[in-house]
Every structure is written in C-alpha cells, then in structure tokens.
Amino acid sequence: MADVSDGGVDADEVLRLIGGLAGVERHQSREDVAFRVRGKGFAYLSEDGETLVVKATRDEQAALVLDNPVAYERSHCSGRFGWVLVRLAHVPPDELAELVTEAWLLTAPRRLTAGRPDAVG
C-alpha cells in the first residue's frame, strides 16, 4: 500500500473517487483493477495499490510528466490518448480527483456526462 505521509492518496481514496462516477464498471484481473464505462477503460489501479494509470489527452500527458516527473510517468499512447502512470503517494487528493474525473469524461457517453459543470465538449 502506498505511503501517503507526504500528502498523497491511497487505493481507498481512488476507489472512493471512482465510485462516485456514473456508469463505472469494475473488473479485477491478476495485475490490476480496471475501471470502465460502457466497456471502455479509463483507469487501472495496480494490484499493490501504489499506482494508477489514467486516460488523458496527449497534451495533458506531456504536461503532467514535465511538471512533476516524481508523481507522473508516460505510460503509453493509444490513438489520440496519452495514458499516464500516477504514483499515488506523490499526488494530492484534489489533483487526483481532477485526473480521474477527466479520464472518465474522456470515456463516458454524453448521456452520463450531460449536465456536469466539468463536462467536456
């Protein structure tokens, strides 16, 4: 489990944040817990609870890694998205909430995101 003594978050906080988003499906595998909306993944929590990989735009991926390489690492790119590995012990709760919500907004159908003040598009 992540040591959050420096103001980071733990796996329980990730689960709480993601649990508050509409339409999320949780799938357990040997390596991680996948979070999906309508079958499309937007976040993956490592088995040890220390890292989370989230969907982001490629620009956001680059900015996060440049601004805080201790907390963020480029995971991979897929199409127009850049996935970011988040070291949970080094990310403040409000920043993680923003990242998780944005990943969900990039993935969820409009009927789930409509009416949210933070909805994109």
Foldseek 3Di string as FASTA:
>chain_A
DADQPVQFDWLVLVCVLLVPAPQWDWDDDPFWIFIAHPPHTAKTAGPVRQKMKGKDFPVVLVVVCVVDVPAWDFDQDDPRITIIIGGRSPDHSVRVSVRSVRSCLVHYDCVRVPPDPPHDD
